[in-house]
Amino acid sequence: MDASALRALQAPIKERYKSEPTAAYITLKAKGTLDNANIACKVETGRALAVAGLHPATGGSGLELCSGDMLLEALVACAGVTLKAVATAIDIPLKSGMVSAEGDLDFRGTLGVARDAPVGFAQIRLRFDLDTDAPQDKLDQLLKLTERYCVVYQTIKSGPPVTLSLKRTPA
């Protein structure tokens, strides 16, 4: 896909959102089912069933997906798609590219071993390795726009309010 094809694809969507701002508000959903036999949760991904469990550093077998890894994978996926869309839109030819994310965790916090240890990532690093002949000023613009428009990156960076609730359901 080139820049003009991307613009043509997105133009009617952008026009609708300009004329009907409420049409742009969409609620994305995720759902999972607790595993009755194991410490695991079966998450419906829309394409397949993903089974998440404890990370081996907290007693997991390593056979299930770690939700921390899934968070980093979502960041890589979103950032990669965003970067590719931006590169297409601003005519930066990419021969190839890799996106990687790594995050530092102190599992003492998750396991309740040390109250001063944080629960969650202390730091996340996102990196793009691109094979391109584009000049540095265009690459700087690419990175800036990718940062600006990547939903998962902005969500992690901004830390929006998240509510937590529990509802008892009849057996």
N, C-alpha and C. Protein backbone atom coordinates (compact mmCIF):
# COMPACT_ATOMS: atom_id res chain seq x y z
N MET A 1 0.85 -1.17 0.00
CA MET A 1 0.00 0.00 0.00
C MET A 1 0.89 1.23 0.00
N ASP A 2 0.52 2.21 -0.82
CA ASP A 2 1.28 3.45 -0.84
C ASP A 2 0.49 4.55 -0.13
N ALA A 3 1.09 5.74 -0.06
CA ALA A 3 0.49 6.85 0.68
C ALA A 3 -0.88 7.23 0.12
N SER A 4 -1.01 7.28 -1.20
CA SER A 4 -2.30 7.68 -1.78
C SER A 4 -3.38 6.64 -1.52
N ALA A 5 -3.04 5.38 -1.55
CA ALA A 5 -4.02 4.32 -1.25
C ALA A 5 -4.45 4.38 0.22
N LEU A 6 -3.49 4.66 1.10
CA LEU A 6 -3.81 4.79 2.53
C LEU A 6 -4.72 5.99 2.76
N ARG A 7 -4.39 7.11 2.14
CA ARG A 7 -5.24 8.31 2.27
C ARG A 7 -6.65 8.05 1.74
N ALA A 8 -6.74 7.38 0.60
CA ALA A 8 -8.05 7.07 0.00
C ALA A 8 -8.86 6.15 0.92
N LEU A 9 -8.18 5.21 1.53
CA LEU A 9 -8.85 4.29 2.44
C LEU A 9 -9.36 5.01 3.68
N GLN A 10 -8.54 5.91 4.23
CA GLN A 10 -8.89 6.58 5.48
C GLN A 10 -9.71 7.85 5.31
N ALA A 11 -9.75 8.45 4.13
CA ALA A 11 -10.44 9.72 3.92
C ALA A 11 -11.91 9.69 4.33
N PRO A 12 -12.70 8.71 3.89
CA PRO A 12 -14.10 8.73 4.29
C PRO A 12 -14.29 8.51 5.80
N ILE A 13 -13.41 7.75 6.38
CA ILE A 13 -13.48 7.51 7.83
C ILE A 13 -13.20 8.81 8.57
N LYS A 14 -12.14 9.51 8.15
CA LYS A 14 -11.80 10.78 8.79
C LYS A 14 -12.91 11.80 8.62
N GLU A 15 -13.51 11.87 7.44
CA GLU A 15 -14.60 12.81 7.20
C GLU A 15 -15.79 12.51 8.10
N ARG A 16 -16.11 11.24 8.24
CA ARG A 16 -17.23 10.87 9.12
C ARG A 16 -16.95 11.29 10.55
N TYR A 17 -15.74 11.07 11.01
CA TYR A 17 -15.40 11.43 12.39
C TYR A 17 -15.39 12.93 12.60
N LYS A 18 -15.06 13.68 11.56
CA LYS A 18 -15.12 15.14 11.66
C LYS A 18 -16.57 15.62 11.76
N SER A 19 -17.44 15.02 10.96
CA SER A 19 -18.84 15.45 10.96
C SER A 19 -19.65 14.81 12.09
N GLU A 20 -19.25 13.63 12.53
CA GLU A 20 -19.93 12.92 13.62
C GLU A 20 -18.89 12.48 14.65
N PRO A 21 -18.41 13.39 15.49
CA PRO A 21 -17.36 13.03 16.45
C PRO A 21 -17.70 11.82 17.33
N THR A 22 -18.96 11.65 17.67
CA THR A 22 -19.31 10.51 18.54
C THR A 22 -19.14 9.17 17.84
N ALA A 23 -19.13 9.16 16.51
CA ALA A 23 -18.92 7.92 15.78
C ALA A 23 -17.51 7.37 15.97
N ALA A 24 -16.59 8.24 16.37
CA ALA A 24 -15.20 7.82 16.56
C ALA A 24 -14.96 7.13 17.89
N TYR A 25 -15.91 7.22 18.80
CA TYR A 25 -15.76 6.59 20.11
C TYR A 25 -16.20 5.14 20.04
N ILE A 26 -15.27 4.26 20.22
CA ILE A 26 -15.51 2.83 20.14
C ILE A 26 -15.04 2.20 21.45
N THR A 27 -15.76 1.23 21.95
CA THR A 27 -15.34 0.50 23.14
C THR A 27 -14.76 -0.83 22.70
N LEU A 28 -13.47 -1.01 22.91
CA LEU A 28 -12.84 -2.29 22.64
C LEU A 28 -13.02 -3.17 23.87
N LYS A 29 -13.16 -4.46 23.66
CA LYS A 29 -13.43 -5.36 24.77
C LYS A 29 -12.52 -6.57 24.73
N ALA A 30 -12.25 -7.10 25.88
CA ALA A 30 -11.51 -8.36 26.00
C ALA A 30 -12.23 -9.18 27.07
N LYS A 31 -12.22 -10.48 26.90
CA LYS A 31 -12.91 -11.34 27.84
C LYS A 31 -12.10 -12.61 28.03
N GLY A 32 -12.13 -13.11 29.25
CA GLY A 32 -11.45 -14.36 29.55
C GLY A 32 -12.25 -15.19 30.52
N THR A 33 -11.94 -16.47 30.57
CA THR A 33 -12.59 -17.40 31.47
C THR A 33 -11.54 -18.01 32.38
N LEU A 34 -11.83 -17.99 33.69
CA LEU A 34 -10.89 -18.59 34.63
C LEU A 34 -10.85 -20.09 34.43
N ASP A 35 -9.66 -20.64 34.45
CA ASP A 35 -9.47 -22.08 34.32
C ASP A 35 -9.82 -22.72 35.66
N ASN A 36 -10.67 -23.72 35.66
CA ASN A 36 -11.11 -24.36 36.91
C ASN A 36 -10.06 -25.28 37.51
N ALA A 37 -9.13 -25.76 36.71
CA ALA A 37 -8.15 -26.73 37.20
C ALA A 37 -6.78 -26.13 37.48
N ASN A 38 -6.43 -25.05 36.80
CA ASN A 38 -5.08 -24.48 36.91
C ASN A 38 -5.16 -22.99 37.25
N ILE A 39 -4.02 -22.44 37.63
CA ILE A 39 -3.95 -20.99 37.83
C ILE A 39 -3.70 -20.40 36.44
N ALA A 40 -4.80 -20.19 35.73
CA ALA A 40 -4.73 -19.72 34.35
C ALA A 40 -6.04 -19.03 33.98
N CYS A 41 -5.99 -18.25 32.92
CA CYS A 41 -7.16 -17.56 32.39
C CYS A 41 -7.14 -17.72 30.89
N LYS A 42 -8.26 -18.17 30.32
CA LYS A 42 -8.37 -18.36 28.88
C LYS A 42 -8.94 -17.09 28.28
N VAL A 43 -8.14 -16.41 27.48
CA VAL A 43 -8.51 -15.12 26.91
C VAL A 43 -8.91 -15.31 25.45
N GLU A 44 -10.07 -14.76 25.10
CA GLU A 44 -10.54 -14.80 23.72
C GLU A 44 -9.89 -13.65 22.97
N THR A 45 -9.10 -13.96 21.96
CA THR A 45 -8.37 -12.91 21.24
C THR A 45 -9.08 -12.45 19.97
N GLY A 46 -10.13 -13.11 19.59
CA GLY A 46 -10.79 -12.78 18.34
C GLY A 46 -10.29 -13.67 17.21
N ARG A 47 -9.12 -14.20 17.35
CA ARG A 47 -8.55 -15.09 16.34
C ARG A 47 -8.34 -16.50 16.90
N ALA A 48 -8.07 -16.56 18.17
CA ALA A 48 -7.79 -17.85 18.80
C ALA A 48 -7.96 -17.69 20.30
N LEU A 49 -7.80 -18.76 21.02
CA LEU A 49 -7.87 -18.72 22.47
C LEU A 49 -6.45 -18.68 23.01
N ALA A 50 -6.16 -17.71 23.85
CA ALA A 50 -4.84 -17.59 24.47
C ALA A 50 -4.99 -17.95 25.94
N VAL A 51 -4.14 -18.81 26.43
CA VAL A 51 -4.19 -19.20 27.84
C VAL A 51 -3.05 -18.51 28.57
N ALA A 52 -3.41 -17.64 29.50
CA ALA A 52 -2.42 -16.91 30.29
C ALA A 52 -2.30 -17.56 31.66
N GLY A 53 -1.08 -17.61 32.15
CA GLY A 53 -0.83 -18.19 33.47
C GLY A 53 0.28 -17.46 34.18
N LEU A 54 0.72 -18.03 35.26
CA LEU A 54 1.80 -17.44 36.03
C LEU A 54 3.12 -17.50 35.27
N HIS A 55 3.91 -16.47 35.39
CA HIS A 55 5.27 -16.46 34.84
C HIS A 55 6.10 -17.45 35.66
N PRO A 56 7.06 -18.13 35.04
CA PRO A 56 7.90 -19.05 35.81
C PRO A 56 8.56 -18.43 37.04
N ALA A 57 8.83 -17.11 37.00
CA ALA A 57 9.45 -16.45 38.14
C ALA A 57 8.49 -16.33 39.32
N THR A 58 7.21 -16.65 39.09
CA THR A 58 6.23 -16.63 40.19
C THR A 58 5.63 -18.00 40.43
N GLY A 59 6.23 -19.03 39.85
CA GLY A 59 5.76 -20.39 40.08
C GLY A 59 5.04 -21.02 38.91
N GLY A 60 4.95 -20.33 37.79
CA GLY A 60 4.28 -20.89 36.61
C GLY A 60 5.13 -21.91 35.89
N SER A 61 4.47 -22.70 35.07
CA SER A 61 5.16 -23.76 34.33
C SER A 61 5.88 -23.23 33.09
N GLY A 62 5.47 -22.06 32.61
CA GLY A 62 6.02 -21.53 31.38
C GLY A 62 5.27 -22.02 30.15
N LEU A 63 4.28 -22.89 30.35
CA LEU A 63 3.49 -23.38 29.23
C LEU A 63 2.41 -22.38 28.82
N GLU A 64 1.94 -21.58 29.77
CA GLU A 64 0.93 -20.58 29.46
C GLU A 64 1.61 -19.25 29.14
N LEU A 65 0.85 -18.36 28.51
CA LEU A 65 1.37 -17.03 28.20
C LEU A 65 1.45 -16.20 29.47
N CYS A 66 2.43 -15.36 29.56
CA CYS A 66 2.56 -14.42 30.68
C CYS A 66 1.89 -13.12 30.26
N SER A 67 1.01 -12.60 31.10
CA SER A 67 0.30 -11.37 30.74
C SER A 67 1.26 -10.19 30.57
N GLY A 68 2.37 -10.17 31.27
CA GLY A 68 3.38 -9.13 31.08
C GLY A 68 3.98 -9.21 29.68
N ASP A 69 4.26 -10.43 29.23
CA ASP A 69 4.74 -10.61 27.86
C ASP A 69 3.67 -10.16 26.87
N MET A 70 2.42 -10.47 27.16
CA MET A 70 1.32 -10.09 26.26
C MET A 70 1.20 -8.57 26.16
N LEU A 71 1.43 -7.87 27.27
CA LEU A 71 1.40 -6.41 27.25
C LEU A 71 2.49 -5.88 26.33
N LEU A 72 3.70 -6.43 26.47
CA LEU A 72 4.80 -6.00 25.60
C LEU A 72 4.53 -6.37 24.14
N GLU A 73 3.92 -7.53 23.91
CA GLU A 73 3.59 -7.94 22.56
C GLU A 73 2.55 -7.00 21.95
N ALA A 74 1.56 -6.57 22.76
CA ALA A 74 0.57 -5.62 22.27
C ALA A 74 1.23 -4.29 21.92
N LEU A 75 2.19 -3.88 22.74
CA LEU A 75 2.93 -2.64 22.45
C LEU A 75 3.71 -2.76 21.15
N VAL A 76 4.41 -3.87 20.96
CA VAL A 76 5.18 -4.10 19.74
C VAL A 76 4.26 -4.11 18.53
N ALA A 77 3.14 -4.81 18.64
CA ALA A 77 2.20 -4.90 17.52
C ALA A 77 1.65 -3.53 17.16
N CYS A 78 1.18 -2.78 18.14
CA CYS A 78 0.59 -1.47 17.89
C CYS A 78 1.64 -0.50 17.36
N ALA A 79 2.80 -0.49 17.96
CA ALA A 79 3.86 0.42 17.52
C ALA A 79 4.33 0.06 16.11
N GLY A 80 4.42 -1.22 15.81
CA GLY A 80 4.84 -1.64 14.48
C GLY A 80 3.83 -1.25 13.41
N VAL A 81 2.54 -1.46 13.68
CA VAL A 81 1.50 -1.08 12.73
C VAL A 81 1.47 0.44 12.57
N THR A 82 1.57 1.16 13.69
CA THR A 82 1.55 2.62 13.63
C THR A 82 2.73 3.15 12.83
N LEU A 83 3.93 2.64 13.12
CA LEU A 83 5.12 3.08 12.40
C LEU A 83 4.98 2.81 10.91
N LYS A 84 4.48 1.64 10.55
CA LYS A 84 4.33 1.28 9.14
C LYS A 84 3.31 2.20 8.46
N ALA A 85 2.21 2.50 9.16
CA ALA A 85 1.19 3.40 8.59
C ALA A 85 1.75 4.81 8.41
N VAL A 86 2.48 5.29 9.41
CA VAL A 86 3.06 6.63 9.32
C VAL A 86 4.11 6.67 8.22
N ALA A 87 4.95 5.66 8.15
CA ALA A 87 5.97 5.62 7.09
C ALA A 87 5.31 5.64 5.72
N THR A 88 4.23 4.92 5.58
CA THR A 88 3.49 4.90 4.32
C THR A 88 2.92 6.28 4.02
N ALA A 89 2.31 6.90 5.03
CA ALA A 89 1.65 8.20 4.85
C ALA A 89 2.62 9.32 4.50
N ILE A 90 3.83 9.26 5.04
CA ILE A 90 4.79 10.34 4.77
C ILE A 90 5.88 9.91 3.79
N ASP A 91 5.62 8.84 3.08
CA ASP A 91 6.50 8.37 2.00
C ASP A 91 7.93 8.07 2.44
N ILE A 92 8.06 7.30 3.50
CA ILE A 92 9.38 6.82 3.91
C ILE A 92 9.47 5.35 3.50
N PRO A 93 10.32 5.04 2.52
CA PRO A 93 10.46 3.65 2.11
C PRO A 93 11.23 2.84 3.17
N LEU A 94 10.64 1.72 3.57
CA LEU A 94 11.30 0.83 4.53
C LEU A 94 11.61 -0.48 3.81
N LYS A 95 12.89 -0.86 3.82
CA LYS A 95 13.27 -2.13 3.21
C LYS A 95 12.88 -3.27 4.14
N SER A 96 13.10 -3.06 5.42
CA SER A 96 12.71 -4.04 6.44
C SER A 96 12.77 -3.34 7.80
N GLY A 97 12.24 -4.00 8.79
CA GLY A 97 12.28 -3.41 10.12
C GLY A 97 11.94 -4.41 11.20
N MET A 98 12.42 -4.12 12.39
CA MET A 98 12.12 -4.93 13.58
C MET A 98 11.67 -3.98 14.68
N VAL A 99 10.72 -4.45 15.47
CA VAL A 99 10.25 -3.70 16.63
C VAL A 99 10.46 -4.60 17.84
N SER A 100 11.04 -4.05 18.89
CA SER A 100 11.23 -4.86 20.09
C SER A 100 10.89 -4.04 21.32
N ALA A 101 10.39 -4.73 22.32
CA ALA A 101 10.09 -4.10 23.60
C ALA A 101 10.61 -5.00 24.69
N GLU A 102 11.15 -4.38 25.71
CA GLU A 102 11.56 -5.12 26.90
C GLU A 102 11.20 -4.30 28.11
N GLY A 103 10.83 -5.01 29.16
CA GLY A 103 10.41 -4.33 30.37
C GLY A 103 11.02 -4.99 31.60
N ASP A 104 11.32 -4.16 32.59
CA ASP A 104 11.95 -4.65 33.81
C ASP A 104 10.91 -4.80 34.91
N LEU A 105 10.88 -5.98 35.52
CA LEU A 105 9.96 -6.29 36.60
C LEU A 105 10.73 -6.78 37.82
N ASP A 106 10.24 -6.43 38.98
CA ASP A 106 10.76 -6.97 40.24
C ASP A 106 9.65 -7.85 40.80
N PHE A 107 9.79 -9.15 40.65
CA PHE A 107 8.72 -10.07 41.04
C PHE A 107 8.51 -10.15 42.54
N ARG A 108 9.39 -9.52 43.33
CA ARG A 108 9.14 -9.48 44.78
C ARG A 108 7.85 -8.72 45.07
N GLY A 109 7.56 -7.70 44.27
CA GLY A 109 6.33 -6.94 44.46
C GLY A 109 5.10 -7.77 44.17
N THR A 110 5.11 -8.49 43.05
CA THR A 110 3.98 -9.33 42.64
C THR A 110 3.73 -10.44 43.67
N LEU A 111 4.78 -10.99 44.22
CA LEU A 111 4.64 -12.09 45.18
C LEU A 111 4.46 -11.60 46.62
N GLY A 112 4.47 -10.29 46.83
CA GLY A 112 4.28 -9.77 48.18
C GLY A 112 5.45 -10.04 49.11
N VAL A 113 6.64 -10.23 48.54
CA VAL A 113 7.83 -10.53 49.34
C VAL A 113 8.41 -9.27 49.95
N ALA A 114 8.32 -8.17 49.23
CA ALA A 114 8.87 -6.90 49.71
C ALA A 114 7.87 -5.78 49.41
N ARG A 115 7.37 -5.14 50.46
CA ARG A 115 6.38 -4.09 50.28
C ARG A 115 6.92 -2.89 49.50
N ASP A 116 8.23 -2.67 49.55
CA ASP A 116 8.81 -1.53 48.84
C ASP A 116 9.08 -1.84 47.36
N ALA A 117 8.91 -3.09 46.97
CA ALA A 117 9.12 -3.46 45.56
C ALA A 117 7.83 -3.17 44.79
N PRO A 118 7.95 -2.46 43.67
CA PRO A 118 6.75 -2.12 42.90
C PRO A 118 6.13 -3.35 42.25
N VAL A 119 4.83 -3.30 42.06
CA VAL A 119 4.13 -4.31 41.28
C VAL A 119 3.94 -3.70 39.89
N GLY A 120 4.43 -4.35 38.90
CA GLY A 120 4.33 -3.83 37.54
C GLY A 120 5.70 -3.49 36.99
N PHE A 121 5.70 -3.05 35.75
CA PHE A 121 6.95 -2.72 35.10
C PHE A 121 7.56 -1.46 35.69
N ALA A 122 8.84 -1.52 35.99
CA ALA A 122 9.56 -0.34 36.47
C ALA A 122 9.99 0.52 35.28
N GLN A 123 10.26 -0.13 34.16
CA GLN A 123 10.68 0.57 32.95
C GLN A 123 10.38 -0.30 31.74
N ILE A 124 9.98 0.34 30.65
CA ILE A 124 9.76 -0.35 29.38
C ILE A 124 10.56 0.39 28.32
N ARG A 125 11.25 -0.39 27.48
CA ARG A 125 12.03 0.18 26.40
C ARG A 125 11.48 -0.36 25.07
N LEU A 126 11.15 0.54 24.17
CA LEU A 126 10.63 0.19 22.85
C LEU A 126 11.64 0.65 21.82
N ARG A 127 12.00 -0.24 20.89
CA ARG A 127 13.04 0.10 19.91
C ARG A 127 12.63 -0.35 18.51
N PHE A 128 12.97 0.49 17.55
CA PHE A 128 12.75 0.18 16.14
C PHE A 128 14.11 0.07 15.46
N ASP A 129 14.35 -1.01 14.75
CA ASP A 129 15.55 -1.18 13.94
C ASP A 129 15.08 -1.22 12.49
N LEU A 130 15.40 -0.18 11.74
CA LEU A 130 14.88 -0.03 10.38
C LEU A 130 15.98 -0.02 9.34
N ASP A 131 15.73 -0.72 8.25
CA ASP A 131 16.62 -0.66 7.09
C ASP A 131 15.95 0.30 6.10
N THR A 132 16.49 1.50 5.99
CA THR A 132 15.92 2.53 5.14
C THR A 132 17.00 3.51 4.73
N ASP A 133 16.80 4.14 3.60
CA ASP A 133 17.71 5.18 3.14
C ASP A 133 17.18 6.56 3.44
N ALA A 134 16.10 6.66 4.19
CA ALA A 134 15.49 7.95 4.50
C ALA A 134 16.45 8.82 5.31
N PRO A 135 16.42 10.14 5.07
CA PRO A 135 17.29 11.04 5.84
C PRO A 135 16.86 11.11 7.31
N GLN A 136 17.78 11.50 8.16
CA GLN A 136 17.55 11.50 9.60
C GLN A 136 16.35 12.38 10.00
N ASP A 137 16.16 13.52 9.34
CA ASP A 137 15.04 14.38 9.71
C ASP A 137 13.70 13.69 9.46
N LYS A 138 13.62 12.88 8.42
CA LYS A 138 12.39 12.12 8.15
C LYS A 138 12.20 11.00 9.17
N LEU A 139 13.31 10.39 9.59
CA LEU A 139 13.23 9.35 10.62
C LEU A 139 12.82 9.94 11.96
N ASP A 140 13.31 11.14 12.26
CA ASP A 140 12.90 11.82 13.49
C ASP A 140 11.40 12.10 13.47
N GLN A 141 10.90 12.52 12.32
CA GLN A 141 9.46 12.77 12.17
C GLN A 141 8.68 11.47 12.29
N LEU A 142 9.20 10.40 11.72
CA LEU A 142 8.56 9.09 11.80
C LEU A 142 8.43 8.64 13.26
N LEU A 143 9.50 8.79 14.02
CA LEU A 143 9.47 8.38 15.43
C LEU A 143 8.49 9.25 16.23
N LYS A 144 8.53 10.55 15.99
CA LYS A 144 7.65 11.48 16.70
C LYS A 144 6.17 11.17 16.43
N LEU A 145 5.84 10.92 15.18
CA LEU A 145 4.45 10.63 14.82
C LEU A 145 4.02 9.25 15.30
N THR A 146 4.93 8.29 15.26
CA THR A 146 4.61 6.96 15.78
C THR A 146 4.31 7.05 17.27
N GLU A 147 5.12 7.77 17.99
CA GLU A 147 4.88 7.98 19.43
C GLU A 147 3.53 8.65 19.65
N ARG A 148 3.24 9.64 18.86
CA ARG A 148 2.00 10.41 19.04
C ARG A 148 0.75 9.58 18.77
N TYR A 149 0.80 8.69 17.77
CA TYR A 149 -0.40 7.99 17.33
C TYR A 149 -0.52 6.53 17.76
N CYS A 150 0.46 5.98 18.44
CA CYS A 150 0.38 4.58 18.88
C CYS A 150 -0.51 4.49 20.13
N VAL A 151 -1.64 3.84 19.98
CA VAL A 151 -2.64 3.74 21.06
C VAL A 151 -2.07 3.05 22.31
N VAL A 152 -1.41 1.94 22.13
CA VAL A 152 -0.91 1.20 23.30
C VAL A 152 0.21 1.98 23.98
N TYR A 153 1.11 2.57 23.22
CA TYR A 153 2.18 3.38 23.80
C TYR A 153 1.60 4.53 24.62
N GLN A 154 0.67 5.27 24.02
CA GLN A 154 0.08 6.42 24.71
C GLN A 154 -0.71 5.99 25.94
N THR A 155 -1.36 4.84 25.88
CA THR A 155 -2.11 4.33 27.03
C THR A 155 -1.17 3.99 28.18
N ILE A 156 -0.08 3.32 27.87
CA ILE A 156 0.89 2.97 28.91
C ILE A 156 1.54 4.23 29.46
N LYS A 157 1.93 5.14 28.58
CA LYS A 157 2.62 6.36 28.98
C LYS A 157 1.72 7.27 29.82
N SER A 158 0.46 7.40 29.42
CA SER A 158 -0.44 8.34 30.09
C SER A 158 -1.11 7.77 31.34
N GLY A 159 -1.18 6.46 31.43
CA GLY A 159 -1.81 5.85 32.60
C GLY A 159 -3.23 6.33 32.86
N PRO A 160 -4.17 5.99 31.95
CA PRO A 160 -5.54 6.46 32.13
C PRO A 160 -6.19 5.84 33.36
N PRO A 161 -7.26 6.45 33.85
CA PRO A 161 -7.97 5.85 34.98
C PRO A 161 -8.48 4.46 34.61
N VAL A 162 -8.31 3.53 35.50
CA VAL A 162 -8.81 2.17 35.30
C VAL A 162 -9.64 1.83 36.52
N THR A 163 -10.85 1.32 36.31
CA THR A 163 -11.68 0.94 37.44
C THR A 163 -11.63 -0.57 37.61
N LEU A 164 -11.84 -1.00 38.81
CA LEU A 164 -11.81 -2.42 39.15
C LEU A 164 -13.10 -2.70 39.91
N SER A 165 -13.79 -3.77 39.54
CA SER A 165 -15.01 -4.13 40.25
C SER A 165 -15.12 -5.65 40.31
N LEU A 166 -15.96 -6.10 41.18
CA LEU A 166 -16.20 -7.54 41.33
C LEU A 166 -17.71 -7.72 41.48
N LYS A 167 -18.25 -8.68 40.75
CA LYS A 167 -19.67 -8.98 40.83
C LYS A 167 -19.82 -10.47 41.08
N ARG A 168 -20.58 -10.80 42.07
CA ARG A 168 -20.84 -12.22 42.36
C ARG A 168 -21.89 -12.71 41.40
N THR A 169 -21.62 -13.85 40.76
CA THR A 169 -22.60 -14.44 39.86
C THR A 169 -23.11 -15.73 40.47
N PRO A 170 -24.39 -16.05 40.26
CA PRO A 170 -24.92 -17.27 40.84
C PRO A 170 -24.26 -18.50 40.23
N ALA A 171 -24.08 -19.50 41.04
CA ALA A 171 -23.43 -20.73 40.59
C ALA A 171 -24.35 -21.58 39.76
